[in-house]
Amino acid sequence: MTLTWVICGAGRRVGKTHLAERLCEVLPNAAYAKQGHGAKKPGKPENLFHTDAELAAFINSRPATCEHVVVESNELARQGRGDPIIFIDGIPGETDYRDDVDRLRSRSHVHVSSSASIADWQKTLRDKLGSGELCDAVCEVLAEHRRHPSRLTPATRHVEPLRVSTADGSAVRDPCDVVVEQLLTIMVEGVGNFAVMCTPCDVEALAIGFVFSEGLISSIDDVVDYSYRPDQQTIGLRLEEPGQGGVVRNLIVTSSCGLCGSRNVERLLAGKTTCADTLRVSPMVLRAVGQKMHERQQLFSCTGGTHAAGIFNADGELLTVAEDLGRHNALDKAIGRCLLRRLPLAGCGAMLSGRVSLELVAKALRAGLEVMAAVSAPSSLAIDAAERCNITLCGFVRGERATVYTHPRRIVELEQQT
């Protein structure tokens, strides 16, 4: 039996699409759909339906292939058609409330708001799901959404530049969206402040992934508390026992270059720490993972200005995808999202949308990622470090091609040419 989840909200920009996509990541065999008006916009998810009949036909066709259908639809919620219906509350002064907000709220089984009770969520969802583990995973997604008002800090901005012909000098207005670049200060109590230029989405995941990659934590259990203040562009973290021995640091990490001049370069190139050797994937899996990640690069589809990183397992399942205008930030976000969801990283692989540099290999090593597959090329130091640290490094993974630079044994079914 397919369970139909209906997501509704108090108004615009409360994060309905974001929550629906996150639920699709944690629910097994889940499909996404949206009911709305107008044409489908570039970068938005597929399965946009305009009428009740179209949406009903889609939902009715899913039982053979899906356990869950997550539908973004205020109309279904008004009709009380959903099991469960999740209502996302707005923020006074920030949200343009709908006229029917009270009806949507009353029809819903689960309310996501600053005053919501996780215990109430658990009681409702356990009745629907049965699985305590799955219920806890969904509650964590809801709690993450409640803590993280990313909807108030858009990741894109609309601009209206001139498109100029270099042939005849003619010019026309060319409205488009550009990716937002913003300063975020990660404040780690007892350690120091890190000023990161990033795209302001998945901010908690970025901060968690960053402190993990920096060796300040070894697991999410080392994070005692964290809170994001979008109005101040800061996120504060309190750690159990900071891994840097209380050394205070203040530095800027740009969106383009990552943590340059890392003190761990010599250690990486010496191969003093190496990955395990458990992962095996086929060339076809690499291709499929690359295609899946490309389909989920919504910010890139809108702006053409972001990088992406995805974490995948031996079955080729894409566990998570994150985007940012910085390659390093994107990988930190992907790692952070897995940590927040308590998904194992060791023995998995990473798919990257850009080139591979030394710092990215360092992050993969820290996470225990055994395979790095990238759309673009690796640097010489990245190849050297991957070779010494027992990481399989693949570049130019696009179309029907992949170039394996190090440790090809993990890519099974290879027919090596001599």
Foldseek 3Di string as FASTA:
>chain_A
DAAEEEEEEFAPLLCRQVLLVLLQLLFPQEAEAEEDDDDDDWLDAPHYHDDPVSVVVVVVVPPVRGNYYYYYDLVCLLVLNGQAYEYEYDDPPQGDGDPCNVSSVVSGQHYQELPGDLVSQLVSVCVRPVDNLSSVLSSLSSVVSHQASLSSQDQKDKDWDWDADPVPGDIDTDIAIAGDWDWAWEAEPLAEIETETKRSDLVQLLNQLVQLLVQQDLAPVQWPDKHADVVVRYIYTYGNGGRVNSHYDYYYAYQAPGPPPDPCLVVLLQLPAAFDPDAAEALVLLLVLVVVQVSNPSNCRRHVQKKKKFKAANVSDTSDMAIMNHQVSRVSSRLSVCRSSVHQQARIAMEIAEEAECSNLSSSRSRNHQEYEYLAYYDPSNLSSCQSRNHFYWYNSYDSDIRTRHDCPRHPPDDDDD
